Amino acid sequence: MSFAAVGRVVAISRARELLETHRLTAPPVPVERIAKALGARVRYAPLDDALSGMAYIKDGVPIIGVNSLHHPNRQRFTIAHEIAHLVLHRDLITAEVHVDKAFVLNRDGNSATGTDALEIDANAFAAELLVPAEWLKRSIAVQADLDADDEVTALAKRFRVSTATLQNRLLSLTRDPS
């Protein structure tokens, strides 16, 4: 298993641990509540459109900054992504502000190239936290026809994620059914 694959497995495992710790069993995942339980303060502010969010530690307190101009589903992914940095990379963000540029289909420009392991891991964590594979599999079992756009849209609404995020999760299940 490659180093990158190990990082992704660890990220997914840590997201699943958070779901278990908070006894969550059905969507939507209350990401802001999880952030607060981790001691983080979530702050919303209008930011440049290319800036989704940031995470940093100030006076020992984790701060998650979120672009208030983005869609609420995008904000939820940003919070989950920044939680990942707190959980997986806290030592790195303690020393500096970690800024995340806007990402397309749950990736920023760096992670889309497959070159920034921290961003790839944070995106894998966020995707698993918001749309856990097991929950998605259960939901698919009761959905009539996931080929129909309205069924995908309904499922995305249930998880409170974008249809693009849900489609990515569905693709990831076909590539890696674990």
N, C-alpha and C. Protein backbone atom coordinates (compact mmCIF):
# COMPACT_ATOMS: atom_id res chain seq x y z
N MET A 1 0.85 -1.17 0.00
CA MET A 1 0.00 0.00 0.00
C MET A 1 0.90 1.24 0.00
N SER A 2 0.59 2.20 -0.87
CA SER A 2 1.40 3.41 -0.97
C SER A 2 1.19 4.31 0.24
N PHE A 3 2.11 5.24 0.43
CA PHE A 3 2.01 6.21 1.52
C PHE A 3 0.72 7.01 1.41
N ALA A 4 0.37 7.42 0.19
CA ALA A 4 -0.86 8.19 -0.03
C ALA A 4 -2.09 7.36 0.33
N ALA A 5 -2.08 6.10 -0.04
CA ALA A 5 -3.22 5.23 0.28
C ALA A 5 -3.35 5.04 1.78
N VAL A 6 -2.25 4.92 2.48
CA VAL A 6 -2.28 4.79 3.94
C VAL A 6 -2.90 6.04 4.56
N GLY A 7 -2.50 7.22 4.07
CA GLY A 7 -3.05 8.47 4.58
C GLY A 7 -4.55 8.54 4.40
N ARG A 8 -5.02 8.09 3.24
CA ARG A 8 -6.46 8.10 2.96
C ARG A 8 -7.20 7.13 3.88
N VAL A 9 -6.64 5.95 4.10
CA VAL A 9 -7.26 4.96 5.00
C VAL A 9 -7.34 5.50 6.42
N VAL A 10 -6.27 6.13 6.87
CA VAL A 10 -6.25 6.72 8.22
C VAL A 10 -7.30 7.82 8.31
N ALA A 11 -7.38 8.67 7.30
CA ALA A 11 -8.34 9.77 7.31
C ALA A 11 -9.77 9.25 7.40
N ILE A 12 -10.09 8.26 6.60
CA ILE A 12 -11.43 7.67 6.61
C ILE A 12 -11.72 7.02 7.96
N SER A 13 -10.74 6.33 8.50
CA SER A 13 -10.90 5.69 9.80
C SER A 13 -11.16 6.71 10.91
N ARG A 14 -10.45 7.82 10.87
CA ARG A 14 -10.63 8.86 11.90
C ARG A 14 -12.02 9.51 11.77
N ALA A 15 -12.51 9.68 10.55
CA ALA A 15 -13.86 10.22 10.35
C ALA A 15 -14.90 9.26 10.93
N ARG A 16 -14.72 7.98 10.68
CA ARG A 16 -15.64 6.98 11.22
C ARG A 16 -15.61 6.95 12.75
N GLU A 17 -14.43 7.13 13.32
CA GLU A 17 -14.31 7.20 14.78
C GLU A 17 -15.10 8.37 15.34
N LEU A 18 -15.03 9.51 14.66
CA LEU A 18 -15.79 10.68 15.12
C LEU A 18 -17.29 10.40 15.08
N LEU A 19 -17.76 9.76 14.03
CA LEU A 19 -19.17 9.42 13.94
C LEU A 19 -19.58 8.50 15.09
N GLU A 20 -18.75 7.52 15.39
CA GLU A 20 -19.03 6.60 16.50
C GLU A 20 -18.99 7.33 17.84
N THR A 21 -17.98 8.16 18.04
CA THR A 21 -17.84 8.90 19.30
C THR A 21 -19.08 9.75 19.57
N HIS A 22 -19.62 10.34 18.51
CA HIS A 22 -20.79 11.21 18.67
C HIS A 22 -22.11 10.46 18.49
N ARG A 23 -22.00 9.13 18.38
CA ARG A 23 -23.17 8.25 18.27
C ARG A 23 -24.12 8.67 17.15
N LEU A 24 -23.53 9.00 16.02
CA LEU A 24 -24.32 9.41 14.87
C LEU A 24 -24.60 8.21 13.99
N THR A 25 -25.84 8.07 13.58
CA THR A 25 -26.23 6.89 12.80
C THR A 25 -27.04 7.22 11.55
N ALA A 26 -27.38 8.50 11.35
CA ALA A 26 -28.19 8.85 10.19
C ALA A 26 -27.89 10.30 9.78
N PRO A 27 -28.05 10.58 8.50
CA PRO A 27 -27.79 11.94 8.03
C PRO A 27 -28.91 12.90 8.43
N PRO A 28 -28.61 14.18 8.41
CA PRO A 28 -27.33 14.83 8.10
C PRO A 28 -26.43 14.90 9.33
N VAL A 29 -25.15 14.87 9.09
CA VAL A 29 -24.16 14.94 10.16
C VAL A 29 -24.06 16.40 10.64
N PRO A 30 -24.17 16.62 11.96
CA PRO A 30 -24.09 17.99 12.49
C PRO A 30 -22.63 18.44 12.62
N VAL A 31 -22.03 18.85 11.53
CA VAL A 31 -20.60 19.15 11.53
C VAL A 31 -20.22 20.30 12.45
N GLU A 32 -21.08 21.29 12.55
CA GLU A 32 -20.76 22.41 13.44
C GLU A 32 -20.74 21.94 14.90
N ARG A 33 -21.66 21.08 15.26
CA ARG A 33 -21.69 20.53 16.63
C ARG A 33 -20.43 19.70 16.90
N ILE A 34 -19.98 18.94 15.91
CA ILE A 34 -18.76 18.15 16.06
C ILE A 34 -17.56 19.07 16.24
N ALA A 35 -17.49 20.12 15.43
CA ALA A 35 -16.39 21.08 15.56
C ALA A 35 -16.36 21.67 16.97
N LYS A 36 -17.52 22.07 17.47
CA LYS A 36 -17.60 22.64 18.82
C LYS A 36 -17.20 21.61 19.88
N ALA A 37 -17.60 20.36 19.69
CA ALA A 37 -17.23 19.30 20.64
C ALA A 37 -15.72 19.08 20.66
N LEU A 38 -15.07 19.38 19.54
CA LEU A 38 -13.61 19.27 19.47
C LEU A 38 -12.92 20.52 20.02
N GLY A 39 -13.72 21.46 20.52
CA GLY A 39 -13.18 22.68 21.09
C GLY A 39 -12.96 23.79 20.10
N ALA A 40 -13.42 23.61 18.87
CA ALA A 40 -13.22 24.61 17.83
C ALA A 40 -14.34 25.64 17.83
N ARG A 41 -13.98 26.83 17.45
CA ARG A 41 -14.97 27.89 17.22
C ARG A 41 -15.12 28.04 15.72
N VAL A 42 -16.36 28.00 15.27
CA VAL A 42 -16.64 28.17 13.84
C VAL A 42 -17.04 29.62 13.62
N ARG A 43 -16.36 30.27 12.69
CA ARG A 43 -16.61 31.67 12.39
C ARG A 43 -16.91 31.83 10.89
N TYR A 44 -17.97 32.56 10.59
CA TYR A 44 -18.38 32.81 9.21
C TYR A 44 -18.05 34.25 8.86
N ALA A 45 -17.48 34.44 7.68
CA ALA A 45 -17.17 35.78 7.19
C ALA A 45 -17.15 35.77 5.68
N PRO A 46 -17.52 36.90 5.06
CA PRO A 46 -17.44 36.96 3.60
C PRO A 46 -15.96 36.98 3.19
N LEU A 47 -15.58 36.02 2.38
CA LEU A 47 -14.20 35.88 1.93
C LEU A 47 -14.17 35.90 0.41
N ASP A 48 -12.99 36.02 -0.15
CA ASP A 48 -12.82 35.90 -1.58
C ASP A 48 -13.43 34.58 -2.04
N ASP A 49 -14.08 34.57 -3.18
CA ASP A 49 -14.78 33.36 -3.63
C ASP A 49 -13.88 32.14 -3.73
N ALA A 50 -12.60 32.36 -4.03
CA ALA A 50 -11.66 31.24 -4.15
C ALA A 50 -11.27 30.66 -2.80
N LEU A 51 -11.63 31.34 -1.72
CA LEU A 51 -11.27 30.88 -0.38
C LEU A 51 -12.48 30.22 0.28
N SER A 52 -12.38 28.93 0.52
CA SER A 52 -13.48 28.19 1.14
C SER A 52 -13.44 28.30 2.66
N GLY A 53 -12.23 28.18 3.21
CA GLY A 53 -12.13 28.22 4.65
C GLY A 53 -10.70 28.14 5.11
N MET A 54 -10.54 28.13 6.42
CA MET A 54 -9.20 28.05 7.01
C MET A 54 -9.32 27.48 8.41
N ALA A 55 -8.21 26.97 8.88
CA ALA A 55 -8.15 26.47 10.26
C ALA A 55 -6.85 26.96 10.87
N TYR A 56 -6.94 27.38 12.11
CA TYR A 56 -5.75 27.80 12.84
C TYR A 56 -6.01 27.71 14.33
N ILE A 57 -4.96 27.81 15.09
CA ILE A 57 -5.05 27.77 16.55
C ILE A 57 -4.68 29.15 17.06
N LYS A 58 -5.55 29.75 17.86
CA LYS A 58 -5.27 31.06 18.44
C LYS A 58 -5.43 30.95 19.95
N ASP A 59 -4.37 31.23 20.66
CA ASP A 59 -4.38 31.14 22.12
C ASP A 59 -4.86 29.76 22.59
N GLY A 60 -4.44 28.73 21.86
CA GLY A 60 -4.79 27.36 22.22
C GLY A 60 -6.17 26.92 21.78
N VAL A 61 -6.92 27.79 21.12
CA VAL A 61 -8.29 27.47 20.68
C VAL A 61 -8.32 27.31 19.17
N PRO A 62 -8.79 26.16 18.69
CA PRO A 62 -8.93 25.98 17.24
C PRO A 62 -10.03 26.89 16.67
N ILE A 63 -9.72 27.53 15.57
CA ILE A 63 -10.68 28.39 14.87
C ILE A 63 -10.87 27.83 13.47
N ILE A 64 -12.12 27.67 13.08
CA ILE A 64 -12.46 27.27 11.72
C ILE A 64 -13.16 28.45 11.08
N GLY A 65 -12.54 29.01 10.06
CA GLY A 65 -13.14 30.11 9.32
C GLY A 65 -13.82 29.58 8.08
N VAL A 66 -15.04 30.07 7.82
CA VAL A 66 -15.85 29.57 6.71
C VAL A 66 -16.34 30.76 5.89
N ASN A 67 -16.31 30.60 4.57
CA ASN A 67 -16.79 31.65 3.68
C ASN A 67 -18.31 31.72 3.75
N SER A 68 -18.82 32.82 4.31
CA SER A 68 -20.27 32.98 4.47
C SER A 68 -20.99 33.21 3.15
N LEU A 69 -20.24 33.47 2.09
CA LEU A 69 -20.86 33.71 0.78
C LEU A 69 -21.11 32.42 0.01
N HIS A 70 -20.56 31.32 0.48
CA HIS A 70 -20.75 30.05 -0.21
C HIS A 70 -22.08 29.40 0.21
N HIS A 71 -22.55 28.50 -0.63
CA HIS A 71 -23.79 27.76 -0.37
C HIS A 71 -23.65 27.00 0.95
N PRO A 72 -24.73 26.86 1.71
CA PRO A 72 -24.66 26.12 2.99
C PRO A 72 -24.08 24.71 2.86
N ASN A 73 -24.38 24.01 1.77
CA ASN A 73 -23.79 22.67 1.60
C ASN A 73 -22.28 22.77 1.45
N ARG A 74 -21.80 23.77 0.74
CA ARG A 74 -20.37 23.99 0.57
C ARG A 74 -19.74 24.34 1.92
N GLN A 75 -20.44 25.14 2.70
CA GLN A 75 -19.96 25.50 4.04
C GLN A 75 -19.82 24.25 4.91
N ARG A 76 -20.77 23.34 4.80
CA ARG A 76 -20.70 22.10 5.59
C ARG A 76 -19.48 21.28 5.20
N PHE A 77 -19.21 21.20 3.88
CA PHE A 77 -18.03 20.47 3.45
C PHE A 77 -16.76 21.17 3.95
N THR A 78 -16.75 22.48 3.89
CA THR A 78 -15.60 23.23 4.37
C THR A 78 -15.36 22.96 5.85
N ILE A 79 -16.41 22.98 6.66
CA ILE A 79 -16.26 22.70 8.09
C ILE A 79 -15.71 21.29 8.29
N ALA A 80 -16.27 20.32 7.57
CA ALA A 80 -15.78 18.93 7.69
C ALA A 80 -14.32 18.84 7.27
N HIS A 81 -13.95 19.53 6.21
CA HIS A 81 -12.58 19.53 5.71
C HIS A 81 -11.63 20.14 6.75
N GLU A 82 -12.06 21.24 7.37
CA GLU A 82 -11.21 21.89 8.37
C GLU A 82 -11.15 21.07 9.67
N ILE A 83 -12.22 20.38 10.00
CA ILE A 83 -12.17 19.43 11.13
C ILE A 83 -11.10 18.39 10.86
N ALA A 84 -11.02 17.94 9.61
CA ALA A 84 -9.99 16.97 9.24
C ALA A 84 -8.61 17.52 9.54
N HIS A 85 -8.37 18.76 9.19
CA HIS A 85 -7.06 19.34 9.49
C HIS A 85 -6.81 19.39 11.00
N LEU A 86 -7.85 19.69 11.78
CA LEU A 86 -7.69 19.71 13.24
C LEU A 86 -7.38 18.32 13.78
N VAL A 87 -8.07 17.32 13.25
CA VAL A 87 -7.91 15.95 13.74
C VAL A 87 -6.62 15.31 13.21
N LEU A 88 -6.33 15.52 11.94
CA LEU A 88 -5.21 14.83 11.30
C LEU A 88 -3.90 15.61 11.31
N HIS A 89 -4.00 16.94 11.28
CA HIS A 89 -2.80 17.76 11.07
C HIS A 89 -2.66 18.88 12.09
N ARG A 90 -3.16 18.67 13.29
CA ARG A 90 -3.19 19.74 14.29
C ARG A 90 -1.81 20.33 14.55
N ASP A 91 -0.80 19.50 14.58
CA ASP A 91 0.56 20.00 14.83
C ASP A 91 1.00 20.99 13.75
N LEU A 92 0.57 20.76 12.53
CA LEU A 92 0.95 21.66 11.44
C LEU A 92 0.20 22.99 11.50
N ILE A 93 -1.09 22.95 11.86
CA ILE A 93 -1.85 24.20 11.88
C ILE A 93 -1.64 24.99 13.16
N THR A 94 -1.02 24.39 14.14
CA THR A 94 -0.72 25.13 15.36
C THR A 94 0.32 26.20 15.07
N ALA A 95 1.20 25.92 14.13
CA ALA A 95 2.29 26.84 13.81
C ALA A 95 1.88 27.92 12.81
N GLU A 96 0.82 27.69 12.03
CA GLU A 96 0.44 28.67 11.01
C GLU A 96 -1.01 28.50 10.64
N VAL A 97 -1.57 29.52 10.00
CA VAL A 97 -2.94 29.45 9.51
C VAL A 97 -2.95 28.53 8.30
N HIS A 98 -3.88 27.58 8.28
CA HIS A 98 -4.01 26.69 7.12
C HIS A 98 -5.20 27.17 6.31
N VAL A 99 -4.94 27.64 5.11
CA VAL A 99 -5.97 28.22 4.25
C VAL A 99 -6.30 27.23 3.14
N ASP A 100 -7.58 27.04 2.90
CA ASP A 100 -8.03 26.16 1.83
C ASP A 100 -8.73 26.97 0.76
N LYS A 101 -8.22 26.91 -0.45
CA LYS A 101 -8.85 27.55 -1.59
C LYS A 101 -10.09 26.76 -1.96
N ALA A 102 -10.96 27.37 -2.73
CA ALA A 102 -12.18 26.69 -3.17
C ALA A 102 -11.81 25.42 -3.91
N PHE A 103 -12.61 24.39 -3.71
CA PHE A 103 -12.33 23.14 -4.38
C PHE A 103 -13.53 22.73 -5.21
N VAL A 104 -13.26 22.08 -6.32
CA VAL A 104 -14.29 21.63 -7.23
C VAL A 104 -14.47 20.14 -7.03
N LEU A 105 -15.70 19.72 -6.89
CA LEU A 105 -16.00 18.31 -6.67
C LEU A 105 -15.19 17.77 -5.48
N ASN A 106 -15.21 18.55 -4.41
CA ASN A 106 -14.57 18.18 -3.15
C ASN A 106 -13.06 18.19 -3.21
N ARG A 107 -12.48 18.90 -4.15
CA ARG A 107 -11.02 18.97 -4.23
C ARG A 107 -10.62 20.41 -4.49
N ASP A 108 -9.49 20.80 -3.95
CA ASP A 108 -8.95 22.09 -4.34
C ASP A 108 -7.99 21.84 -5.49
N GLY A 109 -7.40 22.89 -6.01
CA GLY A 109 -6.49 22.74 -7.15
C GLY A 109 -5.35 21.80 -6.86
N ASN A 110 -4.80 21.85 -5.66
CA ASN A 110 -3.68 20.97 -5.30
C ASN A 110 -4.12 19.52 -5.18
N SER A 111 -5.21 19.27 -4.45
CA SER A 111 -5.59 17.87 -4.26
C SER A 111 -6.08 17.24 -5.55
N ALA A 112 -6.63 18.05 -6.45
CA ALA A 112 -7.07 17.51 -7.73
C ALA A 112 -5.90 16.97 -8.55
N THR A 113 -4.72 17.54 -8.32
CA THR A 113 -3.55 17.07 -9.06
C THR A 113 -2.97 15.82 -8.41
N GLY A 114 -3.43 15.51 -7.20
CA GLY A 114 -2.91 14.33 -6.50
C GLY A 114 -1.54 14.56 -5.90
N THR A 115 -1.16 15.83 -5.71
CA THR A 115 0.18 16.11 -5.21
C THR A 115 0.21 16.59 -3.77
N ASP A 116 -0.89 17.06 -3.22
CA ASP A 116 -0.90 17.57 -1.85
C ASP A 116 -1.61 16.57 -0.94
N ALA A 117 -0.82 15.75 -0.28
CA ALA A 117 -1.37 14.67 0.54
C ALA A 117 -2.26 15.18 1.66
N LEU A 118 -1.93 16.32 2.26
CA LEU A 118 -2.75 16.86 3.35
C LEU A 118 -4.16 17.18 2.86
N GLU A 119 -4.27 17.78 1.68
CA GLU A 119 -5.57 18.14 1.13
C GLU A 119 -6.35 16.91 0.69
N ILE A 120 -5.66 15.96 0.10
CA ILE A 120 -6.32 14.71 -0.31
C ILE A 120 -6.89 14.00 0.91
N ASP A 121 -6.09 13.91 1.97
CA ASP A 121 -6.56 13.26 3.20
C ASP A 121 -7.73 14.02 3.81
N ALA A 122 -7.65 15.35 3.85
CA ALA A 122 -8.73 16.15 4.43
C ALA A 122 -10.02 16.00 3.63
N ASN A 123 -9.91 15.93 2.31
CA ASN A 123 -11.10 15.72 1.48
C ASN A 123 -11.69 14.33 1.68
N ALA A 124 -10.85 13.31 1.81
CA ALA A 124 -11.35 11.95 2.05
C ALA A 124 -12.05 11.89 3.40
N PHE A 125 -11.46 12.52 4.41
CA PHE A 125 -12.06 12.58 5.75
C PHE A 125 -13.42 13.27 5.68
N ALA A 126 -13.46 14.46 5.04
CA ALA A 126 -14.70 15.23 4.96
C ALA A 126 -15.80 14.46 4.23
N ALA A 127 -15.44 13.81 3.15
CA ALA A 127 -16.43 13.03 2.39
C ALA A 127 -17.00 11.90 3.23
N GLU A 128 -16.12 11.22 3.97
CA GLU A 128 -16.59 10.11 4.82
C GLU A 128 -17.40 10.62 5.99
N LEU A 129 -17.04 11.78 6.53
CA LEU A 129 -17.78 12.34 7.66
C LEU A 129 -19.18 12.76 7.24
N LEU A 130 -19.30 13.41 6.11
CA LEU A 130 -20.60 13.91 5.65
C LEU A 130 -21.48 12.85 5.00
N VAL A 131 -20.84 11.93 4.27
CA VAL A 131 -21.58 10.88 3.56
C VAL A 131 -20.87 9.56 3.83
N PRO A 132 -21.03 9.03 5.04
CA PRO A 132 -20.34 7.77 5.38
C PRO A 132 -20.73 6.66 4.40
N ALA A 133 -19.76 5.89 4.01
CA ALA A 133 -19.99 4.83 3.02
C ALA A 133 -21.11 3.89 3.46
N GLU A 134 -21.11 3.50 4.72
CA GLU A 134 -22.15 2.57 5.19
C GLU A 134 -23.54 3.18 5.11
N TRP A 135 -23.66 4.43 5.47
CA TRP A 135 -24.97 5.10 5.40
C TRP A 135 -25.41 5.22 3.95
N LEU A 136 -24.47 5.54 3.07
CA LEU A 136 -24.81 5.67 1.66
C LEU A 136 -25.25 4.32 1.09
N LYS A 137 -24.55 3.26 1.45
CA LYS A 137 -24.94 1.93 0.98
C LYS A 137 -26.35 1.58 1.45
N ARG A 138 -26.67 1.90 2.70
CA ARG A 138 -28.03 1.63 3.21
C ARG A 138 -29.05 2.45 2.43
N SER A 139 -28.72 3.70 2.16
CA SER A 139 -29.65 4.58 1.44
C SER A 139 -29.86 4.11 0.02
N ILE A 140 -28.79 3.64 -0.61
CA ILE A 140 -28.90 3.13 -1.98
C ILE A 140 -29.82 1.91 -2.02
N ALA A 141 -29.73 1.09 -1.00
CA ALA A 141 -30.54 -0.13 -0.95
C ALA A 141 -32.04 0.18 -0.97
N VAL A 142 -32.44 1.35 -0.44
CA VAL A 142 -33.86 1.69 -0.42
C VAL A 142 -34.26 2.67 -1.52
N GLN A 143 -33.27 3.25 -2.22
CA GLN A 143 -33.59 4.16 -3.33
C GLN A 143 -34.03 3.34 -4.54
N ALA A 144 -34.99 3.85 -5.25
CA ALA A 144 -35.52 3.12 -6.40
C ALA A 144 -34.57 3.14 -7.59
N ASP A 145 -34.13 4.32 -8.00
CA ASP A 145 -33.37 4.43 -9.22
C ASP A 145 -32.37 5.58 -9.12
N LEU A 146 -31.12 5.25 -8.80
CA LEU A 146 -30.12 6.30 -8.65
C LEU A 146 -29.65 6.86 -9.98
N ASP A 147 -30.13 6.32 -11.08
CA ASP A 147 -29.80 6.90 -12.38
C ASP A 147 -30.65 8.14 -12.65
N ALA A 148 -31.77 8.24 -11.98
CA ALA A 148 -32.64 9.39 -12.16
C ALA A 148 -32.10 10.58 -11.36
N ASP A 149 -32.02 11.74 -12.03
CA ASP A 149 -31.48 12.93 -11.39
C ASP A 149 -32.23 13.30 -10.12
N ASP A 150 -33.55 13.14 -10.12
CA ASP A 150 -34.32 13.53 -8.94
C ASP A 150 -34.02 12.62 -7.75
N GLU A 151 -33.66 11.38 -7.98
CA GLU A 151 -33.29 10.47 -6.88
C GLU A 151 -31.95 10.87 -6.28
N VAL A 152 -31.00 11.23 -7.13
CA VAL A 152 -29.68 11.69 -6.66
C VAL A 152 -29.85 12.99 -5.89
N THR A 153 -30.67 13.88 -6.43
CA THR A 153 -30.91 15.17 -5.76
C THR A 153 -31.56 14.95 -4.39
N ALA A 154 -32.53 14.05 -4.32
CA ALA A 154 -33.20 13.76 -3.04
C ALA A 154 -32.22 13.20 -2.02
N LEU A 155 -31.35 12.32 -2.47
CA LEU A 155 -30.35 11.73 -1.58
C LEU A 155 -29.35 12.80 -1.12
N ALA A 156 -28.95 13.67 -2.02
CA ALA A 156 -28.04 14.76 -1.66
C ALA A 156 -28.69 15.67 -0.61
N LYS A 157 -29.96 15.97 -0.78
CA LYS A 157 -30.68 16.79 0.20
C LYS A 157 -30.73 16.10 1.56
N ARG A 158 -30.93 14.81 1.55
CA ARG A 158 -30.99 14.06 2.81
C ARG A 158 -29.67 14.18 3.58
N PHE A 159 -28.55 14.10 2.86
CA PHE A 159 -27.23 14.20 3.50
C PHE A 159 -26.79 15.66 3.66
N ARG A 160 -27.55 16.59 3.08
CA ARG A 160 -27.22 18.03 3.07
C ARG A 160 -25.85 18.29 2.47
N VAL A 161 -25.64 17.71 1.29
CA VAL A 161 -24.44 17.92 0.51
C VAL A 161 -24.86 18.27 -0.92
N SER A 162 -23.92 18.74 -1.69
CA SER A 162 -24.22 19.05 -3.09
C SER A 162 -24.42 17.75 -3.88
N THR A 163 -25.08 17.86 -5.01
CA THR A 163 -25.23 16.68 -5.85
C THR A 163 -23.85 16.22 -6.36
N ALA A 164 -22.95 17.17 -6.59
CA ALA A 164 -21.59 16.80 -7.03
C ALA A 164 -20.89 15.97 -5.96
N THR A 165 -21.03 16.35 -4.70
CA THR A 165 -20.42 15.58 -3.61
C THR A 165 -21.02 14.19 -3.56
N LEU A 166 -22.34 14.11 -3.66
CA LEU A 166 -22.98 12.80 -3.61
C LEU A 166 -22.56 11.94 -4.80
N GLN A 167 -22.48 12.53 -5.98
CA GLN A 167 -22.04 11.78 -7.15
C GLN A 167 -20.61 11.28 -6.97
N ASN A 168 -19.74 12.10 -6.40
CA ASN A 168 -18.37 11.66 -6.12
C ASN A 168 -18.35 10.49 -5.15
N ARG A 169 -19.20 10.55 -4.14
CA ARG A 169 -19.25 9.45 -3.16
C ARG A 169 -19.74 8.17 -3.84
N LEU A 170 -20.73 8.30 -4.70
CA LEU A 170 -21.23 7.12 -5.42
C LEU A 170 -20.13 6.53 -6.30
N LEU A 171 -19.37 7.40 -6.96
CA LEU A 171 -18.25 6.93 -7.79
C LEU A 171 -17.19 6.25 -6.93
N SER A 172 -16.92 6.83 -5.77
CA SER A 172 -15.89 6.25 -4.90
C SER A 172 -16.31 4.87 -4.39
N LEU A 173 -17.61 4.66 -4.22
CA LEU A 173 -18.09 3.34 -3.79
C LEU A 173 -17.90 2.30 -4.89
N THR A 174 -18.05 2.73 -6.13
CA THR A 174 -17.86 1.77 -7.22
C THR A 174 -16.38 1.43 -7.39
N ARG A 175 -15.50 2.41 -7.10
CA ARG A 175 -14.05 2.17 -7.21
C ARG A 175 -13.51 1.41 -6.01
N ASP A 176 -14.02 1.75 -4.81
CA ASP A 176 -13.52 1.14 -3.58
C ASP A 176 -14.70 0.85 -2.68
N PRO A 177 -15.31 -0.32 -2.80
CA PRO A 177 -16.53 -0.63 -2.08
C PRO A 177 -16.37 -0.78 -0.56
N SER A 178 -15.17 -0.62 -0.01
CA SER A 178 -15.01 -0.72 1.45
C SER A 178 -15.46 0.56 2.04
